[in-house]
Amino acid sequence: MNQIIVNEFGNPEKLILHEVPIPYAGEGQIVIKVEAAGVNFSDAMQRRNQYVFPVSLPYLPGFEVAGIVKEIGNGVQNISVGDRVVAMLPNGGGYAQYAVTDSYLASVLPPTVSSQESLALQVQGLTAYLMLKDGARLQAGQTVLIHAAAGGVGSLQVQIAKQMKAGKIIATASNDEKLTIVKSLGADVVINYSESEWVQKVLKTTNERGVDLIVDSVGGDILQKSLNYCLAPFGRLISFGNPTGDSTSIEAYSLINKNQILQGFGLASYFEKPDLMKEAYEYLFSQVTTGRLKVLIGQNFPLKDAYIAHRKMENRETIGKTILIP
């Protein structure tokens, strides 16, 4: 089978296609014939050796796949050969024609949700929902600022925040095309954060008060200005990504004086909360099935062009979910 292997850290061209044996299912595992593999910013950070969980070379990229179960190992229950599933791969290996993972990390898909849709609902969808519901505990009437709102997480968070009856949803993106998409998803105010006066525009739309909740995956200067100028007293800022790797200096007394909360969010910890994960999957699948949640599949690439997908993602040339097709 074909599989992407990374033998050295560096630029997107380090994603090299190789011919390798098909994996087999061990105890409690399943083998999936991959129909679609998800591409995430964490993949690019891992490739650059900047990810929070370090890996040893060589390694197999790809944390999520969707496809057909071709083999099950001993002890597997509730999943059968022939089932269509979406699955997490914490140890990687998703950029391939076949992938193996523990069965408890897979969810059987309803017939109304496609393999590609399911990938937009997995890492990004679970992150979007669990961050707002469990992490931020978003309350009706609160004002929300969502950065990079045309991305996989942001495009879903705009819609989920609307369903949670947020008071006002302010969404940012890097160009007019993305802002138009975000507006169509339900954002009340859209702002181009590549322009120098984006902070002033956020404050103007909140009557200089600031917002109750900020969710940020951009990091660096955007996070710093969001925290220093855009967050209201008693507000909460959740950081869940820093694709540039830029460090941010936090002044503790600023948080203390305004009773603010700076919080991180990572999906991996939720593997230990299966009930919450199950609830999130059920919510996301049902919302897509009923048409209340629009999944934004921005672009597909052949597996061999994984390096192109990474390059475009890092250059912020992608919208919504990016998918590899083996």
C-alpha atoms as a PDB file:
ATOM      1  CA  MET A   1       0.000   0.000   0.000  1.00  0.00           C
ATOM      2  CA  ASN A   2       1.009   3.671  -0.295  1.00  0.00           C
ATOM      3  CA  GLN A   3       1.859   5.618   2.851  1.00  0.00           C
ATOM      4  CA  ILE A   4       3.459   8.973   3.611  1.00  0.00           C
ATOM      5  CA  ILE A   5       6.555   8.669   5.832  1.00  0.00           C
ATOM      6  CA  VAL A   6       8.579  11.533   7.305  1.00  0.00           C
ATOM      7  CA  ASN A   7      12.288  10.712   7.638  1.00  0.00           C
ATOM      8  CA  GLU A   8      13.479  14.194   8.596  1.00  0.00           C
ATOM      9  CA  PHE A   9      11.837  17.306  10.012  1.00  0.00           C
ATOM     10  CA  GLY A  10      11.413  20.362   7.845  1.00  0.00           C
ATOM     11  CA  ASN A  11       9.406  21.771   4.951  1.00  0.00           C
ATOM     12  CA  PRO A  12       6.335  20.159   3.342  1.00  0.00           C
ATOM     13  CA  GLU A  13       8.525  18.313   0.820  1.00  0.00           C
ATOM     14  CA  LYS A  14       9.594  16.027   3.680  1.00  0.00           C
ATOM     15  CA  LEU A  15       6.227  14.245   3.247  1.00  0.00           C
ATOM     16  CA  ILE A  16       7.400  11.364   1.035  1.00  0.00           C
ATOM     17  CA  LEU A  17       5.216   8.586  -0.435  1.00  0.00           C
ATOM     18  CA  HIS A  18       6.458   5.027   0.173  1.00  0.00           C
ATOM     19  CA  GLU A  19       5.267   1.496  -0.612  1.00  0.00           C
ATOM     20  CA  VAL A  20       4.795  -0.483   2.637  1.00  0.00           C
ATOM     21  CA  PRO A  21       2.916  -3.624   3.796  1.00  0.00           C
ATOM     22  CA  ILE A  22      -0.735  -3.342   4.834  1.00  0.00           C
ATOM     23  CA  PRO A  23      -0.965  -3.237   8.654  1.00  0.00           C
ATOM     24  CA  TYR A  24      -2.724  -5.963  10.636  1.00  0.00           C
ATOM     25  CA  ALA A  25      -5.118  -5.725  13.585  1.00  0.00           C
ATOM     26  CA  GLY A  26      -3.742  -6.533  17.007  1.00  0.00           C
ATOM     27  CA  GLU A  27      -5.694  -7.123  20.195  1.00  0.00           C
ATOM     28  CA  GLY A  28      -8.598  -4.671  20.355  1.00  0.00           C
ATOM     29  CA  GLN A  29      -7.655  -3.030  17.064  1.00  0.00           C
ATOM     30  CA  ILE A  30      -9.236  -2.515  13.648  1.00  0.00           C
ATOM     31  CA  VAL A  31      -7.767  -2.033  10.172  1.00  0.00           C
ATOM     32  CA  ILE A  32      -9.503   0.602   8.028  1.00  0.00           C
ATOM     33  CA  LYS A  33      -9.387   0.922   4.255  1.00  0.00           C
ATOM     34  CA  VAL A  34      -9.015   4.685   4.123  1.00  0.00           C
ATOM     35  CA  GLU A  35     -11.494   6.629   1.993  1.00  0.00           C
ATOM     36  CA  ALA A  36     -10.350  10.017   3.291  1.00  0.00           C
ATOM     37  CA  ALA A  37      -7.665  11.292   5.670  1.00  0.00           C
ATOM     38  CA  GLY A  38      -7.849  14.577   7.553  1.00  0.00           C
ATOM     39  CA  VAL A  39      -5.156  17.257   7.425  1.00  0.00           C
ATOM     40  CA  ASN A  40      -4.701  19.440  10.506  1.00  0.00           C
ATOM     41  CA  PHE A  41      -2.381  22.236  11.617  1.00  0.00           C
ATOM     42  CA  SER A  42      -1.038  19.853  14.227  1.00  0.00           C
ATOM     43  CA  ASP A  43       0.283  17.713  11.349  1.00  0.00           C
ATOM     44  CA  ALA A  44       2.331  20.632  10.057  1.00  0.00           C
ATOM     45  CA  MET A  45       3.636  21.481  13.523  1.00  0.00           C
ATOM     46  CA  GLN A  46       4.640  17.849  14.010  1.00  0.00           C
ATOM     47  CA  ARG A  47       6.425  17.861  10.646  1.00  0.00           C
ATOM     48  CA  ARG A  48       8.395  20.933  11.762  1.00  0.00           C
ATOM     49  CA  ASN A  49       9.148  19.288  15.136  1.00  0.00           C
ATOM     50  CA  GLN A  50       7.164  21.995  16.945  1.00  0.00           C
ATOM     51  CA  TYR A  51       4.261  19.888  18.189  1.00  0.00           C
ATOM     52  CA  VAL A  52       3.468  19.631  21.878  1.00  0.00           C
ATOM     53  CA  PHE A  53       3.918  15.840  21.708  1.00  0.00           C
ATOM     54  CA  PRO A  54       7.386  15.167  20.202  1.00  0.00           C
ATOM     55  CA  VAL A  55       7.904  12.241  17.822  1.00  0.00           C
ATOM     56  CA  SER A  56      10.967  10.221  16.844  1.00  0.00           C
ATOM     57  CA  LEU A  57      12.071   9.875  13.245  1.00  0.00           C
ATOM     58  CA  PRO A  58      10.937   8.276  11.070  1.00  0.00           C
ATOM     59  CA  TYR A  59       7.255   8.767  11.839  1.00  0.00           C
ATOM     60  CA  LEU A  60       3.884   8.293  10.141  1.00  0.00           C
ATOM     61  CA  PRO A  61       1.768  11.483   9.895  1.00  0.00           C
ATOM     62  CA  GLY A  62      -2.014  11.686  10.061  1.00  0.00           C
ATOM     63  CA  PHE A  63      -4.208  11.643  13.166  1.00  0.00           C
ATOM     64  CA  GLU A  64      -7.621  10.855  11.630  1.00  0.00           C
ATOM     65  CA  VAL A  65      -9.204   8.796   8.886  1.00  0.00           C
ATOM     66  CA  ALA A  66     -12.602   7.663   7.650  1.00  0.00           C
ATOM     67  CA  GLY A  67     -13.279   4.492   5.715  1.00  0.00           C
ATOM     68  CA  ILE A  68     -14.376   0.855   5.717  1.00  0.00           C
ATOM     69  CA  VAL A  69     -13.339  -1.651   8.387  1.00  0.00           C
ATOM     70  CA  LYS A  70     -11.456  -4.513   6.692  1.00  0.00           C
ATOM     71  CA  GLU A  71     -10.194  -6.452   9.713  1.00  0.00           C
ATOM     72  CA  ILE A  72     -10.911  -6.609  13.440  1.00  0.00           C
ATOM     73  CA  GLY A  73      -8.680  -7.980  16.164  1.00  0.00           C
ATOM     74  CA  ASN A  74      -9.556 -10.164  19.139  1.00  0.00           C
ATOM     75  CA  GLY A  75     -11.737  -8.497  21.732  1.00  0.00           C
ATOM     76  CA  VAL A  76     -13.288  -5.918  19.409  1.00  0.00           C
ATOM     77  CA  GLN A  77     -16.966  -5.306  20.142  1.00  0.00           C
ATOM     78  CA  ASN A  78     -19.601  -3.056  18.563  1.00  0.00           C
ATOM     79  CA  ILE A  79     -17.597  -2.718  15.321  1.00  0.00           C
ATOM     80  CA  SER A  80     -17.731  -5.250  12.493  1.00  0.00           C
ATOM     81  CA  VAL A  81     -15.952  -5.829   9.208  1.00  0.00           C
ATOM     82  CA  GLY A  82     -17.702  -3.721   6.579  1.00  0.00           C
ATOM     83  CA  ASP A  83     -18.723  -0.918   8.947  1.00  0.00           C
ATOM     84  CA  ARG A  84     -17.994   2.621   7.807  1.00  0.00           C
ATOM     85  CA  VAL A  85     -16.184   4.470  10.576  1.00  0.00           C
ATOM     86  CA  VAL A  86     -14.352   7.646  11.446  1.00  0.00           C
ATOM     87  CA  ALA A  87     -11.386   7.109  13.733  1.00  0.00           C
ATOM     88  CA  MET A  88      -8.610   8.803  15.670  1.00  0.00           C
ATOM     89  CA  LEU A  89      -5.007   7.649  15.318  1.00  0.00           C
ATOM     90  CA  PRO A  90      -3.056   9.115  18.271  1.00  0.00           C
ATOM     91  CA  ASN A  91       0.121   7.411  17.059  1.00  0.00           C
ATOM     92  CA  GLY A  92      -0.303   8.605  13.484  1.00  0.00           C
ATOM     93  CA  GLY A  93      -0.423   6.658  10.250  1.00  0.00           C
ATOM     94  CA  GLY A  94      -3.483   8.242   8.645  1.00  0.00           C
ATOM     95  CA  TYR A  95      -1.772   9.427   5.461  1.00  0.00           C
ATOM     96  CA  ALA A  96      -2.118   5.988   3.915  1.00  0.00           C
ATOM     97  CA  GLN A  97      -4.366   3.601   1.993  1.00  0.00           C
ATOM     98  CA  TYR A  98      -4.886   1.473   5.130  1.00  0.00           C
ATOM     99  CA  ALA A  99      -4.646   2.475   8.795  1.00  0.00           C
ATOM    100  CA  VAL A 100      -4.791   0.646  12.113  1.00  0.00           C
ATOM    101  CA  THR A 101      -6.077   1.966  15.432  1.00  0.00           C
ATOM    102  CA  ASP A 102      -7.689   0.864  18.690  1.00  0.00           C
ATOM    103  CA  SER A 103     -11.372   0.143  18.195  1.00  0.00           C
ATOM    104  CA  TYR A 104     -12.474   2.410  21.060  1.00  0.00           C
ATOM    105  CA  LEU A 105     -11.136   5.361  19.056  1.00  0.00           C
ATOM    106  CA  ALA A 106     -13.506   4.657  16.151  1.00  0.00           C
ATOM    107  CA  SER A 107     -17.146   5.631  15.738  1.00  0.00           C
ATOM    108  CA  VAL A 108     -19.549   3.947  13.313  1.00  0.00           C
ATOM    109  CA  LEU A 109     -20.992   6.512  10.920  1.00  0.00           C
ATOM    110  CA  PRO A 110     -24.695   6.944  10.254  1.00  0.00           C
ATOM    111  CA  PRO A 111     -25.592   6.525   6.560  1.00  0.00           C
ATOM    112  CA  THR A 112     -26.539  10.200   6.374  1.00  0.00           C
ATOM    113  CA  VAL A 113     -22.966  11.400   7.073  1.00  0.00           C
ATOM    114  CA  SER A 114     -20.305  10.986   4.378  1.00  0.00           C
ATOM    115  CA  SER A 115     -16.714   9.971   5.094  1.00  0.00           C
ATOM    116  CA  GLN A 116     -15.470  13.439   4.193  1.00  0.00           C
ATOM    117  CA  GLU A 117     -18.086  15.154   6.345  1.00  0.00           C
ATOM    118  CA  SER A 118     -17.162  12.911   9.260  1.00  0.00           C
ATOM    119  CA  LEU A 119     -13.561  14.098   9.124  1.00  0.00           C
ATOM    120  CA  ALA A 120     -14.669  17.706   9.417  1.00  0.00           C
ATOM    121  CA  LEU A 121     -16.710  16.625  12.440  1.00  0.00           C
ATOM    122  CA  GLN A 122     -13.928  14.705  14.176  1.00  0.00           C
ATOM    123  CA  VAL A 123     -10.820  16.654  15.227  1.00  0.00           C
ATOM    124  CA  GLN A 124     -12.285  20.037  14.252  1.00  0.00           C
ATOM    125  CA  GLY A 125     -15.894  19.244  15.115  1.00  0.00           C
ATOM    126  CA  LEU A 126     -15.142  17.703  18.491  1.00  0.00           C
ATOM    127  CA  THR A 127     -12.781  20.584  19.255  1.00  0.00           C
ATOM    128  CA  ALA A 128     -15.367  23.193  18.257  1.00  0.00           C
ATOM    129  CA  TYR A 129     -18.160  21.655  20.320  1.00  0.00           C
ATOM    130  CA  LEU A 130     -16.251  20.563  23.416  1.00  0.00           C
ATOM    131  CA  MET A 131     -14.351  23.846  23.630  1.00  0.00           C
ATOM    132  CA  LEU A 132     -17.555  25.901  23.682  1.00  0.00           C
ATOM    133  CA  LYS A 133     -19.671  23.559  25.797  1.00  0.00           C
ATOM    134  CA  ASP A 134     -17.240  21.995  28.264  1.00  0.00           C
ATOM    135  CA  GLY A 135     -14.190  24.242  28.109  1.00  0.00           C
ATOM    136  CA  ALA A 136     -15.708  27.716  27.876  1.00  0.00           C
ATOM    137  CA  ARG A 137     -19.154  26.742  29.203  1.00  0.00           C
ATOM    138  CA  LEU A 138     -20.633  29.310  26.856  1.00  0.00           C
ATOM    139  CA  GLN A 139     -23.799  30.909  28.207  1.00  0.00           C
ATOM    140  CA  ALA A 140     -26.684  32.413  26.254  1.00  0.00           C
ATOM    141  CA  GLY A 141     -26.206  36.129  25.686  1.00  0.00           C
ATOM    142  CA  GLN A 142     -22.411  36.134  25.946  1.00  0.00           C
ATOM    143  CA  THR A 143     -20.373  37.879  23.255  1.00  0.00           C
ATOM    144  CA  VAL A 144     -17.879  35.659  21.408  1.00  0.00           C
ATOM    145  CA  LEU A 145     -14.833  36.500  19.285  1.00  0.00           C
ATOM    146  CA  ILE A 146     -13.774  33.631  17.017  1.00  0.00           C
ATOM    147  CA  HIS A 147     -10.438  33.991  15.227  1.00  0.00           C
ATOM    148  CA  ALA A 148      -9.667  32.158  11.952  1.00  0.00           C
ATOM    149  CA  ALA A 149     -13.388  31.598  11.608  1.00  0.00           C
ATOM    150  CA  ALA A 150     -13.211  30.273   8.043  1.00  0.00           C
ATOM    151  CA  GLY A 151     -11.083  27.327   9.149  1.00  0.00           C
ATOM    152  CA  GLY A 152     -12.225  23.841  10.065  1.00  0.00           C
ATOM    153  CA  VAL A 153     -12.797  24.622  13.753  1.00  0.00           C
ATOM    154  CA  GLY A 154     -13.866  28.235  13.375  1.00  0.00           C
ATOM    155  CA  SER A 155     -16.497  27.609  10.694  1.00  0.00           C
ATOM    156  CA  LEU A 156     -18.185  25.085  12.987  1.00  0.00           C
ATOM    157  CA  GLN A 157     -17.809  27.214  16.119  1.00  0.00           C
ATOM    158  CA  VAL A 158     -19.640  30.113  14.497  1.00  0.00           C
ATOM    159  CA  GLN A 159     -22.633  27.852  13.884  1.00  0.00           C
ATOM    160  CA  ILE A 160     -22.474  26.061  17.249  1.00  0.00           C
ATOM    161  CA  ALA A 161     -22.182  29.358  19.150  1.00  0.00           C
ATOM    162  CA  LYS A 162     -25.280  30.534  17.289  1.00  0.00           C
ATOM    163  CA  GLN A 163     -27.153  27.403  18.354  1.00  0.00           C
ATOM    164  CA  MET A 164     -26.013  27.998  21.947  1.00  0.00           C
ATOM    165  CA  LYS A 165     -27.634  31.457  21.672  1.00  0.00           C
ATOM    166  CA  ALA A 166     -24.491  33.544  22.002  1.00  0.00           C
ATOM    167  CA  GLY A 167     -25.396  37.229  22.253  1.00  0.00           C
ATOM    168  CA  LYS A 168     -23.129  38.410  19.443  1.00  0.00           C
ATOM    169  CA  ILE A 169     -20.651  36.450  17.344  1.00  0.00           C
ATOM    170  CA  ILE A 170     -17.671  38.411  16.046  1.00  0.00           C
ATOM    171  CA  ALA A 171     -15.642  36.401  13.540  1.00  0.00           C
ATOM    172  CA  THR A 172     -12.268  37.182  12.006  1.00  0.00           C
ATOM    173  CA  ALA A 173     -10.532  35.871   8.901  1.00  0.00           C
ATOM    174  CA  SER A 174      -7.637  36.900   6.681  1.00  0.00           C
ATOM    175  CA  ASN A 175      -9.380  38.000   3.466  1.00  0.00           C
ATOM    176  CA  ASP A 176     -12.715  39.128   2.041  1.00  0.00           C
ATOM    177  CA  GLU A 177     -13.586  35.760   0.478  1.00  0.00           C
ATOM    178  CA  LYS A 178     -13.293  34.050   3.845  1.00  0.00           C
ATOM    179  CA  LEU A 179     -15.264  36.810   5.566  1.00  0.00           C
ATOM    180  CA  THR A 180     -18.131  36.317   3.109  1.00  0.00           C
ATOM    181  CA  ILE A 181     -18.231  32.607   3.920  1.00  0.00           C
ATOM    182  CA  VAL A 182     -18.145  33.250   7.667  1.00  0.00           C
ATOM    183  CA  LYS A 183     -20.980  35.777   7.391  1.00  0.00           C
ATOM    184  CA  SER A 184     -23.091  33.190   5.555  1.00  0.00           C
ATOM    185  CA  LEU A 185     -22.562  30.761   8.462  1.00  0.00           C
ATOM    186  CA  GLY A 186     -24.179  33.139  10.942  1.00  0.00           C
ATOM    187  CA  ALA A 187     -21.532  35.541  12.250  1.00  0.00           C
ATOM    188  CA  ASP A 188     -23.033  38.858  13.325  1.00  0.00           C
ATOM    189  CA  VAL A 189     -19.873  40.890  12.680  1.00  0.00           C
ATOM    190  CA  VAL A 190     -16.915  39.959  10.443  1.00  0.00           C
ATOM    191  CA  ILE A 191     -13.464  41.569  10.662  1.00  0.00           C
ATOM    192  CA  ASN A 192     -10.265  41.109   8.664  1.00  0.00           C
ATOM    193  CA  TYR A 193      -7.565  40.473  11.278  1.00  0.00           C
ATOM    194  CA  SER A 194      -4.779  41.069   8.750  1.00  0.00           C
ATOM    195  CA  GLU A 195      -5.698  44.765   8.844  1.00  0.00           C
ATOM    196  CA  SER A 196      -4.041  46.970  11.454  1.00  0.00           C
ATOM    197  CA  GLU A 197      -7.254  48.323  13.000  1.00  0.00           C
ATOM    198  CA  TRP A 198      -8.984  45.021  13.729  1.00  0.00           C
ATOM    199  CA  VAL A 199      -8.741  45.553  17.500  1.00  0.00           C
ATOM    200  CA  GLN A 200     -10.481  48.924  17.266  1.00  0.00           C
ATOM    201  CA  LYS A 201     -13.257  47.350  15.189  1.00  0.00           C
ATOM    202  CA  VAL A 202     -13.817  44.657  17.837  1.00  0.00           C
ATOM    203  CA  LEU A 203     -14.040  47.286  20.558  1.00  0.00           C
ATOM    204  CA  LYS A 204     -16.362  49.496  18.507  1.00  0.00           C
ATOM    205  CA  THR A 205     -18.857  46.676  17.981  1.00  0.00           C
ATOM    206  CA  THR A 206     -18.875  45.965  21.752  1.00  0.00           C
ATOM    207  CA  ASN A 207     -19.182  49.631  22.781  1.00  0.00           C
ATOM    208  CA  GLU A 208     -15.579  49.497  24.066  1.00  0.00           C
ATOM    209  CA  ARG A 209     -16.446  46.809  26.644  1.00  0.00           C
ATOM    210  CA  GLY A 210     -14.710  43.867  24.944  1.00  0.00           C
ATOM    211  CA  VAL A 211     -15.986  40.324  24.559  1.00  0.00           C
ATOM    212  CA  ASP A 212     -16.878  37.659  27.103  1.00  0.00           C
ATOM    213  CA  LEU A 213     -15.164  34.797  25.268  1.00  0.00           C
ATOM    214  CA  ILE A 214     -12.302  34.650  22.767  1.00  0.00           C
ATOM    215  CA  VAL A 215     -11.270  31.431  21.021  1.00  0.00           C
ATOM    216  CA  ASP A 216      -7.917  31.647  19.279  1.00  0.00           C
ATOM    217  CA  SER A 217      -5.890  29.242  17.149  1.00  0.00           C
ATOM    218  CA  VAL A 218      -3.635  31.864  15.556  1.00  0.00           C
ATOM    219  CA  GLY A 219      -1.379  32.683  18.499  1.00  0.00           C
ATOM    220  CA  GLY A 220       1.442  35.211  18.500  1.00  0.00           C
ATOM    221  CA  ASP A 221       0.475  38.835  18.034  1.00  0.00           C
ATOM    222  CA  ILE A 222      -3.213  38.017  17.505  1.00  0.00           C
ATOM    223  CA  LEU A 223      -3.428  36.258  20.867  1.00  0.00           C
ATOM    224  CA  GLN A 224      -1.475  39.017  22.603  1.00  0.00           C
ATOM    225  CA  LYS A 225      -3.700  41.821  21.308  1.00  0.00           C
ATOM    226  CA  SER A 226      -6.847  39.800  21.942  1.00  0.00           C
ATOM    227  CA  LEU A 227      -5.883  39.326  25.567  1.00  0.00           C
ATOM    228  CA  ASN A 228      -4.601  42.837  26.177  1.00  0.00           C
ATOM    229  CA  TYR A 229      -7.337  44.815  24.441  1.00  0.00           C
ATOM    230  CA  CYS A 230     -10.357  42.725  23.387  1.00  0.00           C
ATOM    231  CA  LEU A 231     -11.225  40.644  26.460  1.00  0.00           C
ATOM    232  CA  ALA A 232     -13.838  42.088  28.807  1.00  0.00           C
ATOM    233  CA  PRO A 233     -13.543  41.999  32.595  1.00  0.00           C
ATOM    234  CA  PHE A 234     -14.411  38.501  33.870  1.00  0.00           C
ATOM    235  CA  GLY A 235     -13.866  37.255  30.308  1.00  0.00           C
ATOM    236  CA  ARG A 236     -12.193  34.043  29.170  1.00  0.00           C
ATOM    237  CA  LEU A 237      -9.686  33.477  26.367  1.00  0.00           C
ATOM    238  CA  ILE A 238      -9.096  29.920  25.161  1.00  0.00           C
ATOM    239  CA  SER A 239      -5.959  29.211  23.133  1.00  0.00           C
ATOM    240  CA  PHE A 240      -5.914  25.974  21.148  1.00  0.00           C
ATOM    241  CA  GLY A 241      -3.214  26.497  18.541  1.00  0.00           C
ATOM    242  CA  ASN A 242      -0.089  28.414  17.648  1.00  0.00           C
ATOM    243  CA  PRO A 243       0.827  27.473  14.063  1.00  0.00           C
ATOM    244  CA  THR A 244       3.640  30.009  13.779  1.00  0.00           C
ATOM    245  CA  GLY A 245       5.350  28.810  16.948  1.00  0.00           C
ATOM    246  CA  ASP A 246       5.684  32.427  18.153  1.00  0.00           C
ATOM    247  CA  SER A 247       5.958  32.839  21.911  1.00  0.00           C
ATOM    248  CA  THR A 248       3.566  35.087  23.792  1.00  0.00           C
ATOM    249  CA  SER A 249       4.368  37.050  26.940  1.00  0.00           C
ATOM    250  CA  ILE A 250       1.519  37.120  29.459  1.00  0.00           C
ATOM    251  CA  GLU A 251       1.279  39.795  32.132  1.00  0.00           C
ATOM    252  CA  ALA A 252      -0.290  38.092  35.136  1.00  0.00           C
ATOM    253  CA  TYR A 253      -1.392  41.335  36.783  1.00  0.00           C
ATOM    254  CA  SER A 254      -3.544  42.177  33.778  1.00  0.00           C
ATOM    255  CA  LEU A 255      -5.504  38.961  34.349  1.00  0.00           C
ATOM    256  CA  ILE A 256      -5.730  39.627  38.068  1.00  0.00           C
ATOM    257  CA  ASN A 257      -6.955  43.213  37.739  1.00  0.00           C
ATOM    258  CA  LYS A 258      -9.740  42.267  35.349  1.00  0.00           C
ATOM    259  CA  ASN A 259     -10.595  38.848  36.811  1.00  0.00           C
ATOM    260  CA  GLN A 260      -9.875  37.242  33.435  1.00  0.00           C
ATOM    261  CA  ILE A 261      -9.180  33.618  32.586  1.00  0.00           C
ATOM    262  CA  LEU A 262      -6.531  32.445  30.109  1.00  0.00           C
ATOM    263  CA  GLN A 263      -7.140  28.791  29.281  1.00  0.00           C
ATOM    264  CA  GLY A 264      -5.708  26.142  26.985  1.00  0.00           C
ATOM    265  CA  PHE A 265      -7.633  23.458  25.129  1.00  0.00           C
ATOM    266  CA  GLY A 266      -6.418  20.149  23.734  1.00  0.00           C
ATOM    267  CA  LEU A 267      -8.602  17.355  22.388  1.00  0.00           C
ATOM    268  CA  ALA A 268      -6.284  14.519  23.451  1.00  0.00           C
ATOM    269  CA  SER A 269      -7.289  14.812  27.119  1.00  0.00           C
ATOM    270  CA  TYR A 270     -10.892  14.073  26.169  1.00  0.00           C
ATOM    271  CA  PHE A 271      -9.961  10.520  25.140  1.00  0.00           C
ATOM    272  CA  GLU A 272     -10.221   9.884  28.889  1.00  0.00           C
ATOM    273  CA  LYS A 273     -13.805  11.231  28.917  1.00  0.00           C
ATOM    274  CA  PRO A 274     -15.659   8.761  26.669  1.00  0.00           C
ATOM    275  CA  ASP A 275     -19.104   9.924  27.774  1.00  0.00           C
ATOM    276  CA  LEU A 276     -18.393  13.499  26.702  1.00  0.00           C
ATOM    277  CA  MET A 277     -16.897  12.281  23.416  1.00  0.00           C
ATOM    278  CA  LYS A 278     -19.978  10.141  22.740  1.00  0.00           C
ATOM    279  CA  GLU A 279     -22.295  13.065  23.483  1.00  0.00           C
ATOM    280  CA  ALA A 280     -20.278  15.320  21.161  1.00  0.00           C
ATOM    281  CA  TYR A 281     -20.335  12.803  18.291  1.00  0.00           C
ATOM    282  CA  GLU A 282     -24.089  12.328  18.659  1.00  0.00           C
ATOM    283  CA  TYR A 283     -24.680  16.072  18.642  1.00  0.00           C
ATOM    284  CA  LEU A 284     -22.487  16.673  15.589  1.00  0.00           C
ATOM    285  CA  PHE A 285     -23.886  13.765  13.555  1.00  0.00           C
ATOM    286  CA  SER A 286     -27.478  14.740  14.338  1.00  0.00           C
ATOM    287  CA  GLN A 287     -26.903  18.396  13.458  1.00  0.00           C
ATOM    288  CA  VAL A 288     -25.421  17.518  10.069  1.00  0.00           C
ATOM    289  CA  THR A 289     -28.180  14.979   9.381  1.00  0.00           C
ATOM    290  CA  THR A 290     -30.896  17.551  10.086  1.00  0.00           C
ATOM    291  CA  GLY A 291     -29.112  20.244   8.093  1.00  0.00           C
ATOM    292  CA  ARG A 292     -28.599  22.551  11.070  1.00  0.00           C
ATOM    293  CA  LEU A 293     -24.816  22.313  10.845  1.00  0.00           C
ATOM    294  CA  LYS A 294     -23.044  23.020   7.574  1.00  0.00           C
ATOM    295  CA  VAL A 295     -19.758  21.213   7.057  1.00  0.00           C
ATOM    296  CA  LEU A 296     -17.225  23.181   5.061  1.00  0.00           C
ATOM    297  CA  ILE A 297     -15.058  20.858   2.942  1.00  0.00           C
ATOM    298  CA  GLY A 298     -12.685  23.343   1.376  1.00  0.00           C
ATOM    299  CA  GLN A 299     -10.276  21.235  -0.655  1.00  0.00           C
ATOM    300  CA  ASN A 300      -9.220  17.665  -1.494  1.00  0.00           C
ATOM    301  CA  PHE A 301      -5.760  16.484  -2.531  1.00  0.00           C
ATOM    302  CA  PRO A 302      -4.451  13.107  -3.730  1.00  0.00           C
ATOM    303  CA  LEU A 303      -2.361  11.344  -1.083  1.00  0.00           C
ATOM    304  CA  LYS A 304       0.810  11.877  -3.119  1.00  0.00           C
ATOM    305  CA  ASP A 305       0.206  15.646  -2.951  1.00  0.00           C
ATOM    306  CA  ALA A 306       0.160  15.810   0.848  1.00  0.00           C
ATOM    307  CA  TYR A 307       3.049  18.279   0.663  1.00  0.00           C
ATOM    308  CA  ILE A 308       0.922  20.652  -1.430  1.00  0.00           C
ATOM    309  CA  ALA A 309      -1.901  20.422   1.111  1.00  0.00           C
ATOM    310  CA  HIS A 310       0.524  21.322   3.903  1.00  0.00           C
ATOM    311  CA  ARG A 311       2.030  24.216   1.971  1.00  0.00           C
ATOM    312  CA  LYS A 312      -1.368  25.732   1.198  1.00  0.00           C
ATOM    313  CA  MET A 313      -2.554  25.262   4.774  1.00  0.00           C
ATOM    314  CA  GLU A 314       0.518  26.975   6.196  1.00  0.00           C
ATOM    315  CA  ASN A 315       0.121  29.830   3.708  1.00  0.00           C
ATOM    316  CA  ARG A 316      -3.512  30.262   4.844  1.00  0.00           C
ATOM    317  CA  GLU A 317      -4.776  29.422   1.369  1.00  0.00           C
ATOM    318  CA  THR A 318      -7.295  26.863   2.617  1.00  0.00           C
ATOM    319  CA  ILE A 319     -10.917  27.149   3.744  1.00  0.00           C
ATOM    320  CA  GLY A 320     -12.691  24.705   6.026  1.00  0.00           C
ATOM    321  CA  LYS A 321     -11.515  21.108   6.100  1.00  0.00           C
ATOM    322  CA  THR A 322      -8.579  19.849   4.058  1.00  0.00           C
ATOM    323  CA  ILE A 323      -8.696  16.184   3.042  1.00  0.00           C
ATOM    324  CA  LEU A 324      -6.329  13.677   1.420  1.00  0.00           C
ATOM    325  CA  ILE A 325      -7.766  10.983  -0.874  1.00  0.00           C
ATOM    326  CA  PRO A 326      -5.640   7.776  -1.063  1.00  0.00           C
END
